[in-house]
Amino acid sequence: MTMMTTTQDLTGRILTLDVGPMAHGGHCIARHEGRVIFVRHAIPGEVVRAKLTDAGPQAKFWRADVVEVVDGSDYRRRHIWKLADSLRAHEMERLPVGGAEFGHITDQHQRRLKAQVFRDTLQRIGGISAQDAAMCQDPADGEIHVSDIGTPHSNGLHWRTRVTFGVDEHGSLAMKPHRSHDLIELRGMPLAVEAIHESTLFSADFSGARRVEAVAPGGAEPVALVVHADAERAADGALAERMRRLAAADSRIGSIVLALARTEAPPRRRGRGARRGRAPAPSTVVEHETVVGSPTVEEPLPTPVAGPEGVRSTVAVRPEGFWQIHRHAPQALVRTVADLAQVEPGDAVADLYAGAGLFTAWAAEAVGPQGSVLSVEGARSSSSSAAELFAGSQTVTVRRAAVEAALDALSGSDVVLLDPPRAGAGRDVVAGLDDAGPRRVVYVACEPASFARDAKDLLARGWRMRRLQVLDLYPNTHHMESVAVFER
């Protein structure tokens, strides 16, 4: 079919579309007169009317949101969050809020669609056949499966222990629609755990702040807040005092930290060449001020850590630092890694992108006193948390460094575990793993595309993917987590 050409911007036009397969990113693929359209809030096999949200004349593809279902899927349900429902949003003449793009799909079918996307991404980017990937799973039935880790019959609600909100012009907590800078005021956030969703945060005045991070460690009270603001604006609006009053009025709020951004002029260059070239740009410095409670929160550890002062069952992390956001994710990930990694007493384990020590704690127990664990993390706050947790340990060595700068320390490792950010590990790290030559590499991934790229690189170097598990750590969204084992 010849693709339709136009010199007009057709954004806002409504088209009737036959919905095709789900693609990575949370949208389905449809076509209109040869033009590819990425349609959000649809389900494969449906016939829908969709409003074009990005249909400029130079666009290689268009984007659209479903505004009416003509012939619905058997797996469609009433959306679990009114503000994120594209059908209701259209009736209200606004965009749906982002963050729950699968909320209109039944839980089991969400996982089926995620499995299809994961399989297709491995094949398209990694060159890994669906059969080869499926054979790494238990049961090896020729299909990839995504496992539920949540509470049964929860409809994928109340799992997020960490949520970042914007702040609108009235000082209310808000969130943005997909690919938009608009802010939509909230009265709750049903994906968040009850300690956040049912709190008084949504009626509080955060005027002067740019965004607010809410953290419920382990999914429970008390809640910690990190309030980001420009330092001058925060001072003018007495933000700190209002935050103290908020905490005093709600005992469920245990701590509040202000993250105050200041712009500093670059130092003046002197001497010869001072006027040459481009002038250095101002820098932004963020200072943290604890106005209520503690600057850290205690996150529960699935594997307790023995130390000089007794056994620790929690780790102190800064609320703005990294920790898994699903309330059951730490336990589910440690359980899955332990099953797949098959670490033996006396092994040498390297934990890369180790964060505050979630997997390091498990590895230290698994290798025992005759083994060793190297914990590598580049972020200062997370590495500091790990160093404090494992202080006095004869088994664990904590190293604060970029993983790329620590590859020389991997030599002699029996098992290397890595849990990189969404961008993946990359070619240099994969080459370092290959040079180190462990008997097993365990790769924890939160992004199928970057995992597929790194897996392709490992396979090209002679490794084989032996086992694979995909977990639904992010219900009602298109995201997923995977754990894979590679061996020679």
Protein backbone atom coordinates (compact mmCIF):
# COMPACT_ATOMS: atom_id res chain seq x y z
CA MET A 1 0.00 0.00 0.00
CA THR A 2 1.29 3.48 -0.83
CA MET A 3 1.87 5.63 2.22
CA MET A 4 -0.34 8.68 2.47
CA THR A 5 1.60 11.91 2.03
CA THR A 6 0.48 15.25 3.36
CA THR A 7 1.87 18.69 3.99
CA GLN A 8 -0.63 19.28 6.80
CA ASP A 9 -0.30 18.71 10.52
CA LEU A 10 -3.17 16.33 11.23
CA THR A 11 -2.73 16.32 15.01
CA GLY A 12 -6.19 16.26 16.59
CA ARG A 13 -7.87 14.31 13.81
CA ILE A 14 -9.77 11.16 14.83
CA LEU A 15 -9.28 7.97 12.78
CA THR A 16 -10.91 4.54 12.90
CA LEU A 17 -8.13 1.95 13.18
CA ASP A 18 -7.68 -1.82 13.25
CA VAL A 19 -5.22 -2.40 16.10
CA GLY A 20 -2.21 -4.63 15.44
CA PRO A 21 0.41 -6.11 17.78
CA MET A 22 1.76 -4.58 20.98
CA ALA A 23 5.18 -2.96 20.55
CA HIS A 24 7.87 -2.14 23.08
CA GLY A 25 7.03 1.14 24.79
CA GLY A 26 3.39 0.56 25.69
CA HIS A 27 1.69 1.20 22.36
CA CYS A 28 0.11 -0.97 19.68
CA ILE A 29 0.89 -0.72 15.99
CA ALA A 30 -1.82 0.30 13.52
CA ARG A 31 -1.71 1.54 9.94
CA HIS A 32 -3.67 4.16 8.06
CA GLU A 33 -3.18 4.39 4.31
CA GLY A 34 0.29 2.91 4.75
CA ARG A 35 1.30 5.20 7.60
CA VAL A 36 2.45 3.52 10.84
CA ILE A 37 0.60 4.81 13.91
CA PHE A 38 1.63 4.01 17.48
CA VAL A 39 -1.63 3.76 19.41
CA ARG A 40 -1.73 3.92 23.20
CA HIS A 41 -4.57 2.61 25.39
CA ALA A 42 -5.48 -0.07 22.83
CA ILE A 43 -5.37 -3.89 22.88
CA PRO A 44 -4.28 -5.99 19.88
CA GLY A 45 -7.25 -7.09 17.77
CA GLU A 46 -9.53 -4.19 18.67
CA VAL A 47 -11.19 -1.70 16.35
CA VAL A 48 -10.93 1.78 17.86
CA ARG A 49 -11.32 5.44 17.13
CA ALA A 50 -8.10 7.18 18.04
CA LYS A 51 -7.14 10.84 18.22
CA LEU A 52 -3.82 11.75 16.61
CA THR A 53 -1.53 13.34 19.20
CA ASP A 54 1.55 13.73 17.00
CA ALA A 55 0.93 13.79 13.24
CA GLY A 56 3.20 16.44 11.78
CA PRO A 57 3.92 16.43 8.03
CA GLN A 58 7.57 15.42 8.55
CA ALA A 59 6.88 12.63 11.03
CA LYS A 60 8.00 9.14 9.99
CA PHE A 61 5.17 7.72 12.08
CA TRP A 62 2.21 9.13 13.95
CA ARG A 63 1.03 8.73 17.54
CA ALA A 64 -2.54 8.46 18.79
CA ASP A 65 -4.64 7.84 21.89
CA VAL A 66 -7.80 5.72 21.87
CA VAL A 67 -10.90 7.84 22.49
CA GLU A 68 -13.61 5.29 21.61
CA VAL A 69 -13.72 1.50 21.41
CA VAL A 70 -15.73 0.28 18.41
CA ASP A 71 -15.05 -3.44 18.83
CA GLY A 72 -13.37 -4.19 22.15
CA SER A 73 -11.14 -7.02 23.28
CA ASP A 74 -12.38 -9.64 25.72
CA TYR A 75 -9.41 -8.58 27.86
CA ARG A 76 -10.48 -4.95 28.17
CA ARG A 77 -11.67 -3.78 31.61
CA ARG A 78 -12.70 -0.50 33.17
CA HIS A 79 -9.49 1.41 33.76
CA ILE A 80 -8.16 1.11 37.30
CA TRP A 81 -7.40 4.87 37.47
CA LYS A 82 -9.86 7.46 36.19
CA LEU A 83 -7.22 10.10 35.46
CA ALA A 84 -5.21 7.65 33.33
CA ASP A 85 -8.23 6.44 31.33
CA SER A 86 -7.99 7.80 27.78
CA LEU A 87 -11.75 7.36 27.17
CA ARG A 88 -12.71 9.45 30.20
CA ALA A 89 -9.94 11.94 29.46
CA HIS A 90 -11.36 12.54 25.98
CA GLU A 91 -14.80 13.20 27.44
CA MET A 92 -13.20 15.74 29.81
CA GLU A 93 -11.25 17.32 26.90
CA ARG A 94 -7.84 16.64 28.42
CA LEU A 95 -5.01 14.13 28.07
CA PRO A 96 -4.79 11.01 30.27
CA VAL A 97 -2.14 11.10 32.96
CA GLY A 98 0.85 8.86 32.32
CA GLY A 99 2.15 5.98 34.39
CA ALA A 100 -0.66 3.41 34.01
CA GLU A 101 -0.81 2.79 30.26
CA PHE A 102 -1.88 -0.87 30.72
CA GLY A 103 -4.55 -0.15 33.32
CA HIS A 104 -7.35 -0.98 30.85
CA ILE A 105 -6.05 -4.53 30.30
CA THR A 106 -6.77 -7.50 32.57
CA ASP A 107 -3.81 -8.54 34.71
CA GLN A 108 -3.14 -11.91 33.07
CA HIS A 109 -3.35 -10.49 29.57
CA GLN A 110 -0.93 -7.71 30.50
CA ARG A 111 1.62 -10.40 31.29
CA ARG A 112 0.90 -12.25 28.05
CA LEU A 113 1.48 -9.06 26.08
CA LYS A 114 4.68 -8.31 27.98
CA ALA A 115 5.93 -11.81 27.20
CA GLN A 116 5.26 -11.25 23.50
CA VAL A 117 7.06 -7.90 23.57
CA PHE A 118 10.04 -9.41 25.41
CA ARG A 119 10.24 -12.29 22.92
CA ASP A 120 9.97 -9.98 19.91
CA THR A 121 12.58 -7.58 21.32
CA LEU A 122 15.07 -10.39 21.93
CA GLN A 123 14.57 -11.59 18.37
CA ARG A 124 14.63 -8.17 16.70
CA ILE A 125 17.58 -6.63 18.55
CA GLY A 126 19.45 -9.62 19.96
CA GLY A 127 18.94 -12.10 17.16
CA ILE A 128 17.82 -14.62 19.80
CA SER A 129 15.07 -16.86 18.52
CA ALA A 130 11.86 -17.23 20.45
CA GLN A 131 12.50 -20.96 20.74
CA ASP A 132 15.99 -20.48 22.20
CA ALA A 133 14.73 -17.93 24.73
CA ALA A 134 11.73 -20.03 25.73
CA MET A 135 13.88 -23.11 26.28
CA CYS A 136 15.71 -21.19 29.02
CA GLN A 137 12.53 -20.93 31.06
CA ASP A 138 10.82 -23.38 33.39
CA PRO A 139 8.68 -25.00 32.11
CA ALA A 140 10.37 -25.21 28.71
CA ASP A 141 7.10 -25.26 26.76
CA GLY A 142 8.17 -23.11 23.84
CA GLU A 143 6.72 -19.89 25.29
CA ILE A 144 8.16 -17.03 27.34
CA HIS A 145 6.20 -16.39 30.53
CA VAL A 146 6.07 -13.32 32.75
CA SER A 147 5.62 -14.15 36.44
CA ASP A 148 3.37 -12.19 38.76
CA ILE A 149 5.01 -11.19 42.06
CA GLY A 150 2.16 -9.12 43.47
CA THR A 151 -0.65 -9.75 45.91
CA PRO A 152 -3.35 -12.01 44.37
CA HIS A 153 -6.50 -10.26 43.12
CA SER A 154 -4.97 -6.80 43.67
CA ASN A 155 -5.59 -5.61 40.08
CA GLY A 156 -2.03 -4.37 40.09
CA LEU A 157 -2.76 -1.64 42.64
CA HIS A 158 -0.79 -0.33 45.64
CA TRP A 159 2.64 -1.71 44.77
CA ARG A 160 4.77 1.41 44.25
CA THR A 161 6.79 2.37 47.33
CA ARG A 162 8.42 5.31 45.56
CA VAL A 163 6.65 7.91 43.43
CA THR A 164 7.83 11.21 41.96
CA PHE A 165 5.23 13.95 41.53
CA GLY A 166 5.29 17.30 39.82
CA VAL A 167 3.91 20.40 41.51
CA ASP A 168 1.38 22.55 39.65
CA GLU A 169 0.89 26.31 39.79
CA HIS A 170 -1.42 25.95 42.81
CA GLY A 171 1.12 23.94 44.83
CA SER A 172 -0.75 20.64 44.40
CA LEU A 173 0.87 17.31 43.57
CA ALA A 174 0.46 16.51 39.89
CA MET A 175 1.63 14.20 37.11
CA LYS A 176 2.18 14.64 33.38
CA PRO A 177 0.47 12.94 30.45
CA HIS A 178 2.66 10.84 28.15
CA ARG A 179 4.99 13.04 26.05
CA SER A 180 3.53 16.23 27.52
CA HIS A 181 4.68 18.96 29.89
CA ASP A 182 1.15 19.62 31.16
CA LEU A 183 0.47 18.93 34.83
CA ILE A 184 -2.73 17.25 35.99
CA GLU A 185 -3.66 17.68 39.65
CA LEU A 186 -3.98 14.47 41.67
CA ARG A 187 -6.20 13.44 44.53
CA GLY A 188 -4.43 10.12 45.00
CA MET A 189 -2.18 7.67 43.16
CA PRO A 190 -3.69 4.16 43.14
CA LEU A 191 -0.50 2.40 42.00
CA ALA A 192 1.23 3.73 45.13
CA VAL A 193 1.08 1.80 48.39
CA GLU A 194 -1.67 2.82 50.77
CA ALA A 195 0.75 4.78 52.97
CA ILE A 196 1.19 7.21 50.07
CA HIS A 197 -2.15 6.93 48.26
CA GLU A 198 -4.23 7.52 51.40
CA SER A 199 -2.01 10.20 52.93
CA THR A 200 -2.66 13.93 53.26
CA LEU A 201 -0.02 14.75 50.64
CA PHE A 202 -2.63 15.33 47.97
CA SER A 203 -4.27 18.16 49.90
CA ALA A 204 -0.98 19.78 51.00
CA ASP A 205 0.49 23.00 49.68
CA PHE A 206 3.87 22.48 48.01
CA SER A 207 4.06 25.96 46.48
CA GLY A 208 7.66 26.83 45.73
CA ALA A 209 8.66 23.23 45.00
CA ARG A 210 9.38 21.80 41.55
CA ARG A 211 8.79 18.14 42.35
CA VAL A 212 8.23 15.84 45.32
CA GLU A 213 9.48 12.28 45.84
CA ALA A 214 7.41 10.21 48.25
CA VAL A 215 8.95 7.07 49.75
CA ALA A 216 7.27 4.42 51.90
CA PRO A 217 10.13 2.10 52.91
CA GLY A 218 9.05 -1.51 52.58
CA GLY A 219 5.62 -0.23 51.58
CA ALA A 220 4.78 0.97 55.08
CA GLU A 221 4.59 4.11 57.17
CA PRO A 222 6.14 6.47 58.01
CA VAL A 223 6.51 8.15 54.62
CA ALA A 224 9.60 10.17 53.73
CA LEU A 225 9.49 13.13 51.36
CA VAL A 226 12.21 14.70 49.26
CA VAL A 227 11.02 18.13 48.18
CA HIS A 228 12.98 19.61 45.27
CA ALA A 229 13.02 23.38 44.91
CA ASP A 230 15.11 26.33 43.81
CA ALA A 231 16.79 27.62 46.95
CA GLU A 232 15.77 31.26 46.51
CA ARG A 233 12.16 30.45 45.71
CA ALA A 234 11.91 28.05 48.65
CA ALA A 235 13.19 30.71 51.04
CA ASP A 236 10.78 33.33 49.71
CA GLY A 237 7.81 31.01 50.12
CA ALA A 238 8.74 29.68 53.57
CA LEU A 239 8.61 26.16 52.16
CA ALA A 240 10.50 24.60 55.06
CA GLU A 241 8.06 25.94 57.62
CA ARG A 242 5.07 24.67 55.68
CA MET A 243 6.70 21.23 55.48
CA ARG A 244 7.14 21.21 59.27
CA ARG A 245 3.47 21.99 59.70
CA LEU A 246 2.54 19.23 57.25
CA ALA A 247 4.52 16.64 59.23
CA ALA A 248 3.11 17.89 62.53
CA ALA A 249 -0.44 17.48 61.21
CA ASP A 250 0.08 13.95 59.82
CA SER A 251 1.93 11.38 61.92
CA ARG A 252 2.25 9.15 58.85
CA ILE A 253 4.92 11.50 57.50
CA GLY A 254 8.17 10.64 59.25
CA SER A 255 10.79 12.74 57.51
CA ILE A 256 11.09 15.57 55.00
CA VAL A 257 14.27 16.54 53.20
CA LEU A 258 14.57 19.68 51.07
CA ALA A 259 16.75 19.33 47.96
CA LEU A 260 17.64 22.95 47.27
CA ALA A 261 19.19 23.81 43.92
CA ARG A 262 21.53 26.80 43.69
CA THR A 263 23.08 28.17 40.52
CA GLU A 264 26.73 29.08 40.92
CA ALA A 265 28.62 31.26 38.49
CA PRO A 266 31.75 29.66 37.04
CA PRO A 267 35.10 30.93 38.37
CA ARG A 268 36.60 33.72 36.34
CA ARG A 269 39.46 32.63 34.15
CA ARG A 270 42.60 34.67 34.46
CA GLY A 271 45.75 35.13 32.47
CA ARG A 272 46.39 34.35 28.85
CA GLY A 273 43.57 32.79 26.95
CA ALA A 274 40.95 33.97 29.41
CA ARG A 275 38.93 35.51 26.60
CA ARG A 276 39.40 32.68 24.15
CA GLY A 277 36.74 30.09 23.46
CA ARG A 278 33.31 29.72 24.96
CA ALA A 279 32.73 30.96 28.48
CA PRO A 280 32.11 28.17 31.02
CA ALA A 281 28.44 27.64 31.89
CA PRO A 282 27.04 28.17 35.37
CA SER A 283 26.75 25.02 37.47
CA THR A 284 23.89 23.80 39.64
CA VAL A 285 24.64 22.66 43.17
CA VAL A 286 22.01 20.73 45.16
CA GLU A 287 22.15 20.96 48.95
CA HIS A 288 20.04 18.71 51.16
CA GLU A 289 18.42 20.07 54.29
CA THR A 290 16.59 17.75 56.68
CA VAL A 291 13.68 19.71 58.13
CA VAL A 292 11.84 16.80 59.79
CA GLY A 293 13.09 13.41 60.94
CA SER A 294 16.06 11.55 59.51
CA PRO A 295 17.95 12.05 56.22
CA THR A 296 17.71 8.30 55.55
CA VAL A 297 15.02 5.60 55.49
CA GLU A 298 15.38 1.98 56.55
CA GLU A 299 14.60 -0.44 53.71
CA PRO A 300 13.96 -4.09 54.72
CA LEU A 301 16.58 -6.61 53.57
CA PRO A 302 15.46 -10.08 52.41
CA THR A 303 18.82 -11.40 53.63
CA PRO A 304 19.90 -10.12 57.09
CA VAL A 305 23.51 -9.01 57.49
CA ALA A 306 25.62 -9.95 60.50
CA GLY A 307 27.85 -7.15 61.77
CA PRO A 308 29.89 -6.15 64.80
CA GLU A 309 26.79 -4.67 66.45
CA GLY A 310 24.51 -7.62 65.72
CA VAL A 311 22.31 -8.71 62.83
CA ARG A 312 20.92 -6.01 60.52
CA SER A 313 17.59 -6.65 58.82
CA THR A 314 17.41 -3.21 57.17
CA VAL A 315 19.73 -0.92 55.23
CA ALA A 316 19.77 2.86 55.62
CA VAL A 317 19.40 4.60 52.26
CA ARG A 318 18.76 8.19 51.34
CA PRO A 319 15.16 8.53 50.14
CA GLU A 320 16.34 10.11 46.86
CA GLY A 321 18.71 7.18 46.27
CA PHE A 322 17.92 4.00 44.34
CA TRP A 323 15.89 1.12 45.73
CA GLN A 324 13.47 -1.26 44.03
CA ILE A 325 10.04 0.38 43.82
CA HIS A 326 7.70 -2.64 43.95
CA ARG A 327 6.94 -3.56 47.56
CA HIS A 328 7.69 -7.25 46.83
CA ALA A 329 10.56 -6.71 44.37
CA PRO A 330 13.52 -7.12 46.76
CA GLN A 331 12.30 -10.53 47.94
CA ALA A 332 11.28 -11.69 44.45
CA LEU A 333 14.54 -10.63 42.82
CA VAL A 334 16.77 -12.13 45.51
CA ARG A 335 14.78 -15.38 45.37
CA THR A 336 15.08 -15.52 41.57
CA VAL A 337 18.78 -14.64 41.51
CA ALA A 338 19.53 -17.23 44.20
CA ASP A 339 17.73 -19.90 42.20
CA LEU A 340 19.45 -19.07 38.91
CA ALA A 341 22.95 -18.11 40.07
CA GLN A 342 23.72 -21.37 41.92
CA VAL A 343 26.45 -19.75 44.00
CA GLU A 344 28.45 -22.22 46.08
CA PRO A 345 30.15 -21.78 49.47
CA GLY A 346 33.65 -20.43 48.99
CA ASP A 347 32.86 -18.72 45.66
CA ALA A 348 34.15 -15.30 44.68
CA VAL A 349 31.19 -13.15 43.56
CA ALA A 350 31.27 -9.69 41.98
CA ASP A 351 28.10 -7.57 42.33
CA LEU A 352 28.16 -4.78 39.73
CA TYR A 353 25.84 -1.75 39.88
CA ALA A 354 25.31 -2.99 43.43
CA GLY A 355 23.38 -0.04 44.82
CA ALA A 356 22.98 -0.17 48.59
CA GLY A 357 23.72 -3.91 48.74
CA LEU A 358 20.49 -5.84 48.06
CA PHE A 359 22.23 -8.64 46.15
CA THR A 360 25.52 -8.20 48.00
CA ALA A 361 23.81 -9.21 51.26
CA TRP A 362 22.45 -12.38 49.65
CA ALA A 363 25.81 -13.20 48.00
CA ALA A 364 27.71 -12.76 51.30
CA GLU A 365 25.47 -15.31 52.99
CA ALA A 366 25.66 -17.68 50.00
CA VAL A 367 29.47 -17.75 49.74
CA GLY A 368 29.97 -18.01 53.50
CA PRO A 369 33.09 -17.07 55.48
CA GLN A 370 35.42 -18.84 53.02
CA GLY A 371 34.14 -16.84 50.04
CA SER A 372 34.33 -13.21 48.97
CA VAL A 373 32.02 -10.58 47.51
CA LEU A 374 33.06 -7.43 45.64
CA SER A 375 30.32 -4.77 45.66
CA VAL A 376 30.78 -2.05 43.00
CA GLU A 377 28.58 1.06 42.83
CA GLY A 378 29.28 4.48 41.35
CA ALA A 379 26.63 6.56 43.13
CA ARG A 380 28.03 8.13 46.28
CA SER A 381 24.93 7.84 48.47
CA SER A 382 24.19 4.20 47.56
CA SER A 383 27.81 3.15 47.94
CA SER A 384 27.95 4.88 51.33
CA SER A 385 24.87 2.92 52.42
CA ALA A 386 26.56 -0.32 51.37
CA ALA A 387 29.81 0.62 53.11
CA GLU A 388 27.95 1.31 56.35
CA LEU A 389 25.95 -1.92 56.06
CA PHE A 390 28.99 -4.12 55.52
CA ALA A 391 31.40 -2.30 57.83
CA GLY A 392 33.50 -4.88 59.63
CA SER A 393 32.61 -7.68 57.18
CA GLN A 394 35.49 -10.01 56.36
CA THR A 395 33.63 -11.25 53.28
CA VAL A 396 32.48 -8.08 51.51
CA THR A 397 34.59 -5.38 49.89
CA VAL A 398 32.68 -2.25 48.91
CA ARG A 399 34.20 -0.20 46.11
CA ARG A 400 32.75 3.13 45.01
CA ALA A 401 33.60 3.42 41.33
CA ALA A 402 32.03 3.35 37.90
CA VAL A 403 31.78 -0.26 36.79
CA GLU A 404 33.96 0.52 33.78
CA ALA A 405 36.74 1.56 36.16
CA ALA A 406 36.49 -1.63 38.23
CA LEU A 407 36.67 -4.27 35.51
CA ASP A 408 40.26 -5.08 36.42
CA ALA A 409 39.02 -6.35 39.80
CA LEU A 410 36.79 -9.05 38.24
CA SER A 411 39.63 -11.45 37.52
CA GLY A 412 39.20 -14.60 39.59
CA SER A 413 35.45 -14.16 40.05
CA ASP A 414 33.39 -17.34 39.90
CA VAL A 415 30.08 -15.54 39.41
CA VAL A 416 29.50 -11.98 38.20
CA LEU A 417 26.10 -10.42 38.90
CA LEU A 418 25.13 -7.16 37.23
CA ASP A 419 22.01 -5.02 37.52
CA PRO A 420 22.66 -2.04 35.22
CA PRO A 421 20.40 0.97 34.67
CA ARG A 422 18.01 1.15 31.73
CA ALA A 423 20.81 1.99 29.29
CA GLY A 424 22.32 -1.45 29.94
CA ALA A 425 25.91 -2.45 30.57
CA GLY A 426 27.36 -1.60 27.18
CA ARG A 427 30.15 -3.03 25.05
CA ASP A 428 33.07 -2.11 27.35
CA VAL A 429 31.54 -3.80 30.39
CA VAL A 430 30.56 -6.89 28.40
CA ALA A 431 34.14 -7.10 27.12
CA GLY A 432 35.40 -6.83 30.71
CA LEU A 433 33.10 -9.64 31.83
CA ASP A 434 34.33 -11.80 28.98
CA ASP A 435 37.97 -11.11 29.82
CA ALA A 436 37.40 -11.97 33.50
CA GLY A 437 36.08 -15.38 32.50
CA PRO A 438 33.74 -16.28 35.36
CA ARG A 439 31.91 -19.58 35.12
CA ARG A 440 28.57 -17.76 35.21
CA VAL A 441 27.16 -14.28 34.51
CA VAL A 442 23.81 -13.31 36.04
CA TYR A 443 22.22 -10.32 34.30
CA VAL A 444 19.30 -8.48 35.95
CA ALA A 445 17.62 -6.11 33.49
CA CYS A 446 14.80 -3.59 33.62
CA GLU A 447 14.86 -2.77 29.89
CA PRO A 448 14.35 -5.50 27.24
CA ALA A 449 16.01 -3.56 24.41
CA SER A 450 19.29 -2.86 26.19
CA PHE A 451 19.33 -6.39 27.59
CA ALA A 452 18.87 -7.82 24.09
CA ARG A 453 21.78 -5.73 22.83
CA ASP A 454 24.10 -6.86 25.65
CA ALA A 455 22.93 -10.48 25.32
CA LYS A 456 23.76 -10.39 21.62
CA ASP A 457 27.27 -9.20 22.48
CA LEU A 458 27.73 -11.98 25.05
CA LEU A 459 26.52 -14.62 22.62
CA ALA A 460 28.92 -13.34 19.96
CA ARG A 461 31.75 -13.89 22.46
CA GLY A 462 30.88 -17.53 22.95
CA TRP A 463 28.49 -17.35 25.91
CA ARG A 464 25.14 -19.10 25.97
CA MET A 465 21.96 -18.05 27.74
CA ARG A 466 21.09 -21.02 29.95
CA ARG A 467 18.19 -19.78 32.06
CA LEU A 468 15.76 -16.87 31.93
CA GLN A 469 13.00 -15.51 34.15
CA VAL A 470 10.82 -12.46 33.39
CA LEU A 471 9.03 -10.80 36.30
CA ASP A 472 6.11 -8.37 36.36
CA LEU A 473 7.59 -5.80 38.72
CA TYR A 474 5.55 -2.95 37.23
CA PRO A 475 1.83 -3.89 36.93
CA ASN A 476 -0.43 -1.70 34.80
CA THR A 477 2.60 -0.34 32.92
CA HIS A 478 4.53 -1.74 29.95
CA HIS A 479 7.73 -2.22 31.98
CA MET A 480 9.12 -5.58 33.13
CA GLU A 481 12.22 -7.07 34.77
CA SER A 482 14.26 -10.07 33.67
CA VAL A 483 16.98 -12.25 35.17
CA ALA A 484 19.17 -14.29 32.80
CA VAL A 485 22.10 -16.64 33.32
CA PHE A 486 24.95 -16.93 30.80
CA GLU A 487 27.55 -19.68 30.77
CA ARG A 488 30.28 -20.79 28.38
